[in-house]
Structure formats: structure tokens, C-alpha cells
Amino acid sequence: MVATGEAIAAQPGFLSKDDVVEHYAAVSGRAVDHLDFYVVFAFYKLAIIVEGIHARYRMGKTLGEGFEHMGELVNSLVNEALQQADASSVKALRG
């Protein structure tokens, strides 16, 4: 499972995702109707970054603890993107 921030929002003093989105919309004056697109896009972008880290690790160019599991995160991030897309209110994202 990929950390999506829901565990943090459950802690005292932290805003929920809906509260953050509502505050952002109010302060920025921007519409958030298609926020799902940007969330899905962010998961894919992060998967690409993590895959690059994983590739460098496999080539021996990234050293340190924990990098051996980066490849596993790529699949998790892509799967989370797909789940978010399928659950989206944006019809074009649902497959």
C-alpha cells in the first residue's frame, strides 16, 4: 500500500484531504473540479521518479539503506494511480 496521506489526516491537528482542497479552492479562487486528474498524474510522475532511482540502484549508482525496495514501490504507485482513476468523478480517467 502506498502512503496517500490518509493516515496523517487521521492524526489530531491535521486537516482532512477534503478540508485541504476546500481551503485551497477558497484561498486561490481556483476550481478544483478536475483535481482527480492531477492526483492521478502525480502518482504516475512519482512512479517514474522512483523507477529512475531503482534503475540507478540496480546499476550500483545509488547506495544506502532501503533502495533495494524501490522497485516494489513503482508497481504500488501505478496501481494506486489506476485505482484513483477508476474511482474518479472525471469520466475520462475511468477505464
PDB file of N, CA and C in Angstrom:
ATOM      1  N   MET A   1       0.840  -1.189   0.000  1.00  0.00           N
ATOM      2  CA  MET A   1       0.000   0.000   0.000  1.00  0.00           C
ATOM      3  C   MET A   1       0.876   1.241   0.000  1.00  0.00           C
ATOM      4  N   VAL A   2       0.505   2.185  -0.790  1.00  0.00           N
ATOM      5  CA  VAL A   2       1.235   3.434  -0.901  1.00  0.00           C
ATOM      6  C   VAL A   2       0.637   4.445   0.065  1.00  0.00           C
ATOM      7  N   ALA A   3       1.490   5.182   0.745  1.00  0.00           N
ATOM      8  CA  ALA A   3       1.009   6.218   1.654  1.00  0.00           C
ATOM      9  C   ALA A   3       0.366   7.336   0.849  1.00  0.00           C
ATOM     10  N   THR A   4      -0.895   7.586   1.132  1.00  0.00           N
ATOM     11  CA  THR A   4      -1.627   8.615   0.393  1.00  0.00           C
ATOM     12  C   THR A   4      -1.939   9.840   1.241  1.00  0.00           C
ATOM     13  N   GLY A   5      -1.527   9.826   2.487  1.00  0.00           N
ATOM     14  CA  GLY A   5      -1.787  10.955   3.366  1.00  0.00           C
ATOM     15  C   GLY A   5      -2.977  10.747   4.275  1.00  0.00           C
ATOM     16  N   GLU A   6      -3.771   9.707   4.037  1.00  0.00           N
ATOM     17  CA  GLU A   6      -4.947   9.482   4.873  1.00  0.00           C
ATOM     18  C   GLU A   6      -4.562   9.178   6.315  1.00  0.00           C
ATOM     19  N   ALA A   7      -3.460   8.471   6.521  1.00  0.00           N
ATOM     20  CA  ALA A   7      -3.022   8.172   7.882  1.00  0.00           C
ATOM     21  C   ALA A   7      -2.622   9.450   8.613  1.00  0.00           C
ATOM     22  N   ILE A   8      -2.028  10.376   7.902  1.00  0.00           N
ATOM     23  CA  ILE A   8      -1.637  11.649   8.514  1.00  0.00           C
ATOM     24  C   ILE A   8      -2.872  12.456   8.866  1.00  0.00           C
ATOM     25  N   ALA A   9      -3.849  12.495   7.971  1.00  0.00           N
ATOM     26  CA  ALA A   9      -5.064  13.275   8.203  1.00  0.00           C
ATOM     27  C   ALA A   9      -5.836  12.768   9.410  1.00  0.00           C
ATOM     28  N   ALA A  10      -5.641  11.505   9.776  1.00  0.00           N
ATOM     29  CA  ALA A  10      -6.349  10.935  10.927  1.00  0.00           C
ATOM     30  C   ALA A  10      -5.730  11.384  12.260  1.00  0.00           C
ATOM     31  N   GLN A  11      -4.551  11.981  12.205  1.00  0.00           N
ATOM     32  CA  GLN A  11      -3.877  12.425  13.431  1.00  0.00           C
ATOM     33  C   GLN A  11      -4.465  13.759  13.895  1.00  0.00           C
ATOM     34  N   PRO A  12      -4.532  13.965  15.198  1.00  0.00           N
ATOM     35  CA  PRO A  12      -5.058  15.225  15.730  1.00  0.00           C
ATOM     36  C   PRO A  12      -4.280  16.428  15.197  1.00  0.00           C
ATOM     37  N   GLY A  13      -5.003  17.442  14.787  1.00  0.00           N
ATOM     38  CA  GLY A  13      -4.382  18.681  14.334  1.00  0.00           C
ATOM     39  C   GLY A  13      -4.155  18.770  12.838  1.00  0.00           C
ATOM     40  N   PHE A  14      -4.332  17.672  12.113  1.00  0.00           N
ATOM     41  CA  PHE A  14      -4.136  17.678  10.668  1.00  0.00           C
ATOM     42  C   PHE A  14      -5.481  17.773   9.961  1.00  0.00           C
ATOM     43  N   LEU A  15      -5.503  18.510   8.866  1.00  0.00           N
ATOM     44  CA  LEU A  15      -6.717  18.639   8.075  1.00  0.00           C
ATOM     45  C   LEU A  15      -6.943  17.385   7.238  1.00  0.00           C
ATOM     46  N   SER A  16      -8.200  17.120   6.936  1.00  0.00           N
ATOM     47  CA  SER A  16      -8.520  16.028   6.018  1.00  0.00           C
ATOM     48  C   SER A  16      -8.212  16.488   4.595  1.00  0.00           C
ATOM     49  N   LYS A  17      -8.172  15.544   3.672  1.00  0.00           N
ATOM     50  CA  LYS A  17      -7.941  15.878   2.261  1.00  0.00           C
ATOM     51  C   LYS A  17      -9.011  16.854   1.781  1.00  0.00           C
ATOM     52  N   ASP A  18     -10.266  16.581   2.120  1.00  0.00           N
ATOM     53  CA  ASP A  18     -11.359  17.464   1.695  1.00  0.00           C
ATOM     54  C   ASP A  18     -11.201  18.870   2.257  1.00  0.00           C
ATOM     55  N   ASP A  19     -10.757  18.970   3.520  1.00  0.00           N
ATOM     56  CA  ASP A  19     -10.537  20.288   4.123  1.00  0.00           C
ATOM     57  C   ASP A  19      -9.412  21.040   3.421  1.00  0.00           C
ATOM     58  N   VAL A  20      -8.337  20.340   3.069  1.00  0.00           N
ATOM     59  CA  VAL A  20      -7.221  20.971   2.360  1.00  0.00           C
ATOM     60  C   VAL A  20      -7.683  21.474   0.997  1.00  0.00           C
ATOM     61  N   VAL A  21      -8.425  20.632   0.279  1.00  0.00           N
ATOM     62  CA  VAL A  21      -8.904  21.012  -1.054  1.00  0.00           C
ATOM     63  C   VAL A  21      -9.849  22.207  -0.951  1.00  0.00           C
ATOM     64  N   GLU A  22     -10.754  22.175   0.026  1.00  0.00           N
ATOM     65  CA  GLU A  22     -11.698  23.282   0.212  1.00  0.00           C
ATOM     66  C   GLU A  22     -10.962  24.581   0.538  1.00  0.00           C
ATOM     67  N   HIS A  23      -9.970  24.493   1.408  1.00  0.00           N
ATOM     68  CA  HIS A  23      -9.183  25.680   1.767  1.00  0.00           C
ATOM     69  C   HIS A  23      -8.413  26.211   0.557  1.00  0.00           C
ATOM     70  N   TYR A  24      -7.781  25.308  -0.194  1.00  0.00           N
ATOM     71  CA  TYR A  24      -7.044  25.718  -1.388  1.00  0.00           C
ATOM     72  C   TYR A  24      -7.966  26.442  -2.370  1.00  0.00           C
ATOM     73  N   ALA A  25      -9.145  25.876  -2.611  1.00  0.00           N
ATOM     74  CA  ALA A  25     -10.094  26.491  -3.546  1.00  0.00           C
ATOM     75  C   ALA A  25     -10.512  27.873  -3.058  1.00  0.00           C
ATOM     76  N   ALA A  26     -10.768  28.000  -1.769  1.00  0.00           N
ATOM     77  CA  ALA A  26     -11.208  29.281  -1.207  1.00  0.00           C
ATOM     78  C   ALA A  26     -10.111  30.342  -1.284  1.00  0.00           C
ATOM     79  N   VAL A  27      -8.887  29.951  -0.936  1.00  0.00           N
ATOM     80  CA  VAL A  27      -7.780  30.912  -0.899  1.00  0.00           C
ATOM     81  C   VAL A  27      -7.293  31.272  -2.296  1.00  0.00           C
ATOM     82  N   SER A  28      -7.234  30.287  -3.189  1.00  0.00           N
ATOM     83  CA  SER A  28      -6.685  30.528  -4.522  1.00  0.00           C
ATOM     84  C   SER A  28      -7.721  31.059  -5.500  1.00  0.00           C
ATOM     85  N   GLY A  29      -8.989  30.756  -5.232  1.00  0.00           N
ATOM     86  CA  GLY A  29     -10.038  31.143  -6.181  1.00  0.00           C
ATOM     87  C   GLY A  29     -10.087  30.234  -7.401  1.00  0.00           C
ATOM     88  N   ARG A  30      -9.370  29.135  -7.356  1.00  0.00           N
ATOM     89  CA  ARG A  30      -9.317  28.206  -8.493  1.00  0.00           C
ATOM     90  C   ARG A  30     -10.329  27.084  -8.325  1.00  0.00           C
ATOM     91  N   ALA A  31     -10.824  26.615  -9.458  1.00  0.00           N
ATOM     92  CA  ALA A  31     -11.738  25.481  -9.456  1.00  0.00           C
ATOM     93  C   ALA A  31     -10.957  24.197  -9.184  1.00  0.00           C
ATOM     94  N   VAL A  32     -11.557  23.302  -8.446  1.00  0.00           N
ATOM     95  CA  VAL A  32     -10.919  22.022  -8.143  1.00  0.00           C
ATOM     96  C   VAL A  32     -11.762  20.862  -8.676  1.00  0.00           C
ATOM     97  N   ASP A  33     -12.582  21.151  -9.662  1.00  0.00           N
ATOM     98  CA  ASP A  33     -13.484  20.144 -10.224  1.00  0.00           C
ATOM     99  C   ASP A  33     -12.738  18.948 -10.803  1.00  0.00           C
ATOM    100  N   HIS A  34     -11.575  19.177 -11.366  1.00  0.00           N
ATOM    101  CA  HIS A  34     -10.818  18.102 -12.018  1.00  0.00           C
ATOM    102  C   HIS A  34      -9.540  17.764 -11.253  1.00  0.00           C
ATOM    103  N   LEU A  35      -9.591  17.917  -9.939  1.00  0.00           N
ATOM    104  CA  LEU A  35      -8.426  17.631  -9.102  1.00  0.00           C
ATOM    105  C   LEU A  35      -7.972  16.187  -9.252  1.00  0.00           C
ATOM    106  N   ASP A  36      -8.915  15.278  -9.471  1.00  0.00           N
ATOM    107  CA  ASP A  36      -8.561  13.865  -9.633  1.00  0.00           C
ATOM    108  C   ASP A  36      -7.512  13.665 -10.723  1.00  0.00           C
ATOM    109  N   PHE A  37      -7.608  14.415 -11.807  1.00  0.00           N
ATOM    110  CA  PHE A  37      -6.632  14.299 -12.888  1.00  0.00           C
ATOM    111  C   PHE A  37      -5.226  14.556 -12.359  1.00  0.00           C
ATOM    112  N   TYR A  38      -5.074  15.610 -11.571  1.00  0.00           N
ATOM    113  CA  TYR A  38      -3.758  15.987 -11.073  1.00  0.00           C
ATOM    114  C   TYR A  38      -3.241  14.992 -10.042  1.00  0.00           C
ATOM    115  N   VAL A  39      -4.134  14.402  -9.252  1.00  0.00           N
ATOM    116  CA  VAL A  39      -3.728  13.388  -8.282  1.00  0.00           C
ATOM    117  C   VAL A  39      -3.214  12.150  -9.014  1.00  0.00           C
ATOM    118  N   VAL A  40      -3.949  11.694 -10.012  1.00  0.00           N
ATOM    119  CA  VAL A  40      -3.531  10.523 -10.803  1.00  0.00           C
ATOM    120  C   VAL A  40      -2.217  10.827 -11.513  1.00  0.00           C
ATOM    121  N   PHE A  41      -2.113  11.997 -12.104  1.00  0.00           N
ATOM    122  CA  PHE A  41      -0.891  12.408 -12.796  1.00  0.00           C
ATOM    123  C   PHE A  41       0.295  12.415 -11.831  1.00  0.00           C
ATOM    124  N   ALA A  42       0.077  12.890 -10.609  1.00  0.00           N
ATOM    125  CA  ALA A  42       1.156  12.932  -9.616  1.00  0.00           C
ATOM    126  C   ALA A  42       1.634  11.530  -9.260  1.00  0.00           C
ATOM    127  N   PHE A  43       0.700  10.571  -9.129  1.00  0.00           N
ATOM    128  CA  PHE A  43       1.111   9.194  -8.852  1.00  0.00           C
ATOM    129  C   PHE A  43       1.977   8.648  -9.984  1.00  0.00           C
ATOM    130  N   TYR A  44       1.588   8.907 -11.227  1.00  0.00           N
ATOM    131  CA  TYR A  44       2.391   8.433 -12.358  1.00  0.00           C
ATOM    132  C   TYR A  44       3.766   9.105 -12.394  1.00  0.00           C
ATOM    133  N   LYS A  45       3.801  10.407 -12.140  1.00  0.00           N
ATOM    134  CA  LYS A  45       5.089  11.105 -12.124  1.00  0.00           C
ATOM    135  C   LYS A  45       5.997  10.549 -11.039  1.00  0.00           C
ATOM    136  N   LEU A  46       5.429  10.312  -9.863  1.00  0.00           N
ATOM    137  CA  LEU A  46       6.229   9.767  -8.774  1.00  0.00           C
ATOM    138  C   LEU A  46       6.718   8.358  -9.108  1.00  0.00           C
ATOM    139  N   ALA A  47       5.881   7.569  -9.778  1.00  0.00           N
ATOM    140  CA  ALA A  47       6.303   6.221 -10.199  1.00  0.00           C
ATOM    141  C   ALA A  47       7.499   6.306 -11.137  1.00  0.00           C
ATOM    142  N   ILE A  48       7.497   7.275 -12.032  1.00  0.00           N
ATOM    143  CA  ILE A  48       8.611   7.450 -12.969  1.00  0.00           C
ATOM    144  C   ILE A  48       9.890   7.837 -12.219  1.00  0.00           C
ATOM    145  N   ILE A  49       9.771   8.742 -11.254  1.00  0.00           N
ATOM    146  CA  ILE A  49      10.928   9.156 -10.463  1.00  0.00           C
ATOM    147  C   ILE A  49      11.483   7.970  -9.677  1.00  0.00           C
ATOM    148  N   VAL A  50      10.597   7.209  -9.036  1.00  0.00           N
ATOM    149  CA  VAL A  50      11.025   6.060  -8.241  1.00  0.00           C
ATOM    150  C   VAL A  50      11.664   4.995  -9.132  1.00  0.00           C
ATOM    151  N   GLU A  51      11.129   4.817 -10.331  1.00  0.00           N
ATOM    152  CA  GLU A  51      11.734   3.851 -11.263  1.00  0.00           C
ATOM    153  C   GLU A  51      13.151   4.288 -11.634  1.00  0.00           C
ATOM    154  N   GLY A  52      13.371   5.586 -11.789  1.00  0.00           N
ATOM    155  CA  GLY A  52      14.715   6.093 -12.073  1.00  0.00           C
ATOM    156  C   GLY A  52      15.667   5.823 -10.924  1.00  0.00           C
ATOM    157  N   ILE A  53      15.191   6.008  -9.696  1.00  0.00           N
ATOM    158  CA  ILE A  53      16.006   5.713  -8.519  1.00  0.00           C
ATOM    159  C   ILE A  53      16.330   4.217  -8.479  1.00  0.00           C
ATOM    160  N   HIS A  54      15.320   3.406  -8.757  1.00  0.00           N
ATOM    161  CA  HIS A  54      15.511   1.953  -8.766  1.00  0.00           C
ATOM    162  C   HIS A  54      16.541   1.546  -9.831  1.00  0.00           C
ATOM    163  N   ALA A  55      16.451   2.130 -11.014  1.00  0.00           N
ATOM    164  CA  ALA A  55      17.397   1.811 -12.092  1.00  0.00           C
ATOM    165  C   ALA A  55      18.819   2.192 -11.677  1.00  0.00           C
ATOM    166  N   ARG A  56      18.993   3.371 -11.087  1.00  0.00           N
ATOM    167  CA  ARG A  56      20.323   3.783 -10.633  1.00  0.00           C
ATOM    168  C   ARG A  56      20.841   2.850  -9.536  1.00  0.00           C
ATOM    169  N   TYR A  57      19.959   2.407  -8.657  1.00  0.00           N
ATOM    170  CA  TYR A  57      20.357   1.464  -7.609  1.00  0.00           C
ATOM    171  C   TYR A  57      20.847   0.159  -8.232  1.00  0.00           C
ATOM    172  N   ARG A  58      20.113  -0.342  -9.209  1.00  0.00           N
ATOM    173  CA  ARG A  58      20.494  -1.607  -9.848  1.00  0.00           C
ATOM    174  C   ARG A  58      21.818  -1.488 -10.599  1.00  0.00           C
ATOM    175  N   MET A  59      22.137  -0.284 -11.071  1.00  0.00           N
ATOM    176  CA  MET A  59      23.420  -0.059 -11.747  1.00  0.00           C
ATOM    177  C   MET A  59      24.546   0.198 -10.751  1.00  0.00           C
ATOM    178  N   GLY A  60      24.209   0.239  -9.468  1.00  0.00           N
ATOM    179  CA  GLY A  60      25.225   0.486  -8.444  1.00  0.00           C
ATOM    180  C   GLY A  60      25.544   1.948  -8.245  1.00  0.00           C
ATOM    181  N   LYS A  61      24.712   2.832  -8.773  1.00  0.00           N
ATOM    182  CA  LYS A  61      24.989   4.265  -8.677  1.00  0.00           C
ATOM    183  C   LYS A  61      24.262   4.947  -7.518  1.00  0.00           C
ATOM    184  N   THR A  62      23.362   4.225  -6.855  1.00  0.00           N
ATOM    185  CA  THR A  62      22.672   4.755  -5.682  1.00  0.00           C
ATOM    186  C   THR A  62      22.950   3.802  -4.537  1.00  0.00           C
ATOM    187  N   LEU A  63      23.606   4.301  -3.526  1.00  0.00           N
ATOM    188  CA  LEU A  63      23.998   3.470  -2.399  1.00  0.00           C
ATOM    189  C   LEU A  63      23.244   3.899  -1.151  1.00  0.00           C
ATOM    190  N   GLY A  64      23.056   2.966  -0.258  1.00  0.00           N
ATOM    191  CA  GLY A  64      22.425   3.282   1.013  1.00  0.00           C
ATOM    192  C   GLY A  64      21.347   2.281   1.365  1.00  0.00           C
ATOM    193  N   GLU A  65      20.764   2.492   2.520  1.00  0.00           N
ATOM    194  CA  GLU A  65      19.735   1.597   3.045  1.00  0.00           C
ATOM    195  C   GLU A  65      18.376   1.905   2.409  1.00  0.00           C
ATOM    196  N   GLY A  66      17.619   0.847   2.135  1.00  0.00           N
ATOM    197  CA  GLY A  66      16.235   0.997   1.693  1.00  0.00           C
ATOM    198  C   GLY A  66      16.009   1.077   0.200  1.00  0.00           C
ATOM    199  N   PHE A  67      17.044   1.317  -0.559  1.00  0.00           N
ATOM    200  CA  PHE A  67      16.860   1.469  -2.007  1.00  0.00           C
ATOM    201  C   PHE A  67      16.529   0.151  -2.702  1.00  0.00           C
ATOM    202  N   GLU A  68      16.829  -0.961  -2.048  1.00  0.00           N
ATOM    203  CA  GLU A  68      16.561  -2.259  -2.662  1.00  0.00           C
ATOM    204  C   GLU A  68      15.054  -2.520  -2.829  1.00  0.00           C
ATOM    205  N   HIS A  69      14.229  -1.752  -2.154  1.00  0.00           N
ATOM    206  CA  HIS A  69      12.772  -1.945  -2.235  1.00  0.00           C
ATOM    207  C   HIS A  69      12.079  -0.933  -3.156  1.00  0.00           C
ATOM    208  N   MET A  70      12.833  -0.074  -3.765  1.00  0.00           N
ATOM    209  CA  MET A  70      12.225   0.976  -4.598  1.00  0.00           C
ATOM    210  C   MET A  70      11.445   0.404  -5.778  1.00  0.00           C
ATOM    211  N   GLY A  71      11.930  -0.673  -6.354  1.00  0.00           N
ATOM    212  CA  GLY A  71      11.235  -1.276  -7.490  1.00  0.00           C
ATOM    213  C   GLY A  71       9.827  -1.723  -7.144  1.00  0.00           C
ATOM    214  N   GLU A  72       9.642  -2.213  -5.919  1.00  0.00           N
ATOM    215  CA  GLU A  72       8.320  -2.635  -5.453  1.00  0.00           C
ATOM    216  C   GLU A  72       7.365  -1.452  -5.366  1.00  0.00           C
ATOM    217  N   LEU A  73       7.891  -0.295  -5.031  1.00  0.00           N
ATOM    218  CA  LEU A  73       7.049   0.898  -4.914  1.00  0.00           C
ATOM    219  C   LEU A  73       6.486   1.342  -6.258  1.00  0.00           C
ATOM    220  N   VAL A  74       7.220   1.087  -7.337  1.00  0.00           N
ATOM    221  CA  VAL A  74       6.762   1.503  -8.662  1.00  0.00           C
ATOM    222  C   VAL A  74       5.411   0.869  -8.970  1.00  0.00           C
ATOM    223  N   ASN A  75       5.313  -0.435  -8.787  1.00  0.00           N
ATOM    224  CA  ASN A  75       4.041  -1.117  -9.045  1.00  0.00           C
ATOM    225  C   ASN A  75       2.938  -0.591  -8.140  1.00  0.00           C
ATOM    226  N   SER A  76       3.256  -0.354  -6.888  1.00  0.00           N
ATOM    227  CA  SER A  76       2.261   0.165  -5.951  1.00  0.00           C
ATOM    228  C   SER A  76       1.760   1.543  -6.376  1.00  0.00           C
ATOM    229  N   LEU A  77       2.676   2.397  -6.810  1.00  0.00           N
ATOM    230  CA  LEU A  77       2.287   3.744  -7.247  1.00  0.00           C
ATOM    231  C   LEU A  77       1.415   3.700  -8.494  1.00  0.00           C
ATOM    232  N   VAL A  78       1.780   2.860  -9.444  1.00  0.00           N
ATOM    233  CA  VAL A  78       0.987   2.741 -10.675  1.00  0.00           C
ATOM    234  C   VAL A  78      -0.388   2.159 -10.352  1.00  0.00           C
ATOM    235  N   ASN A  79      -0.424   1.145  -9.494  1.00  0.00           N
ATOM    236  CA  ASN A  79      -1.717   0.563  -9.113  1.00  0.00           C
ATOM    237  C   ASN A  79      -2.595   1.574  -8.381  1.00  0.00           C
ATOM    238  N   GLU A  80      -1.994   2.378  -7.517  1.00  0.00           N
ATOM    239  CA  GLU A  80      -2.759   3.423  -6.821  1.00  0.00           C
ATOM    240  C   GLU A  80      -3.290   4.445  -7.817  1.00  0.00           C
ATOM    241  N   ALA A  81      -2.490   4.814  -8.806  1.00  0.00           N
ATOM    242  CA  ALA A  81      -2.952   5.735  -9.850  1.00  0.00           C
ATOM    243  C   ALA A  81      -4.154   5.161 -10.582  1.00  0.00           C
ATOM    244  N   LEU A  82      -4.081   3.879 -10.917  1.00  0.00           N
ATOM    245  CA  LEU A  82      -5.196   3.231 -11.616  1.00  0.00           C
ATOM    246  C   LEU A  82      -6.450   3.180 -10.748  1.00  0.00           C
ATOM    247  N   GLN A  83      -6.277   2.883  -9.466  1.00  0.00           N
ATOM    248  CA  GLN A  83      -7.424   2.851  -8.556  1.00  0.00           C
ATOM    249  C   GLN A  83      -8.045   4.233  -8.406  1.00  0.00           C
ATOM    250  N   GLN A  84      -7.188   5.249  -8.266  1.00  0.00           N
ATOM    251  CA  GLN A  84      -7.690   6.626  -8.157  1.00  0.00           C
ATOM    252  C   GLN A  84      -8.431   7.023  -9.432  1.00  0.00           C
ATOM    253  N   ALA A  85      -7.888   6.626 -10.573  1.00  0.00           N
ATOM    254  CA  ALA A  85      -8.522   6.949 -11.855  1.00  0.00           C
ATOM    255  C   ALA A  85      -9.877   6.270 -11.975  1.00  0.00           C
ATOM    256  N   ASP A  86      -9.944   4.998 -11.618  1.00  0.00           N
ATOM    257  CA  ASP A  86     -11.205   4.265 -11.716  1.00  0.00           C
ATOM    258  C   ASP A  86     -12.277   4.807 -10.779  1.00  0.00           C
ATOM    259  N   ALA A  87     -11.863   5.372  -9.643  1.00  0.00           N
ATOM    260  CA  ALA A  87     -12.808   5.920  -8.670  1.00  0.00           C
ATOM    261  C   ALA A  87     -13.111   7.398  -8.917  1.00  0.00           C
ATOM    262  N   SER A  88     -12.513   7.971  -9.915  1.00  0.00           N
ATOM    263  CA  SER A  88     -12.612   9.406 -10.163  1.00  0.00           C
ATOM    264  C   SER A  88     -13.991   9.845 -10.631  1.00  0.00           C
ATOM    265  N   SER A  89     -14.306  11.087 -10.302  1.00  0.00           N
ATOM    266  CA  SER A  89     -15.522  11.705 -10.828  1.00  0.00           C
ATOM    267  C   SER A  89     -15.280  12.220 -12.251  1.00  0.00           C
ATOM    268  N   VAL A  90     -14.027  12.249 -12.672  1.00  0.00           N
ATOM    269  CA  VAL A  90     -13.677  12.676 -14.034  1.00  0.00           C
ATOM    270  C   VAL A  90     -13.842  11.461 -14.938  1.00  0.00           C
ATOM    271  N   LYS A  91     -14.866  11.487 -15.757  1.00  0.00           N
ATOM    272  CA  LYS A  91     -15.219  10.324 -16.571  1.00  0.00           C
ATOM    273  C   LYS A  91     -14.071   9.859 -17.466  1.00  0.00           C
ATOM    274  N   ALA A  92     -13.304  10.786 -17.995  1.00  0.00           N
ATOM    275  CA  ALA A  92     -12.213  10.454 -18.912  1.00  0.00           C
ATOM    276  C   ALA A  92     -11.111   9.635 -18.238  1.00  0.00           C
ATOM    277  N   LEU A  93     -11.017   9.671 -16.923  1.00  0.00           N
ATOM    278  CA  LEU A  93      -9.985   8.910 -16.223  1.00  0.00           C
ATOM    279  C   LEU A  93     -10.391   7.467 -15.981  1.00  0.00           C
ATOM    280  N   ARG A  94     -11.666   7.220 -15.949  1.00  0.00           N
ATOM    281  CA  ARG A  94     -12.135   5.862 -15.625  1.00  0.00           C
ATOM    282  C   ARG A  94     -11.944   4.952 -16.809  1.00  0.00           C
ATOM    283  N   GLY A  95     -11.389   3.755 -16.532  1.00  0.00           N
ATOM    284  CA  GLY A  95     -11.085   2.845 -17.626  1.00  0.00           C
ATOM    285  C   GLY A  95     -11.936   1.640 -17.582  1.00  0.00           C
TER     286      GLY A  95
END
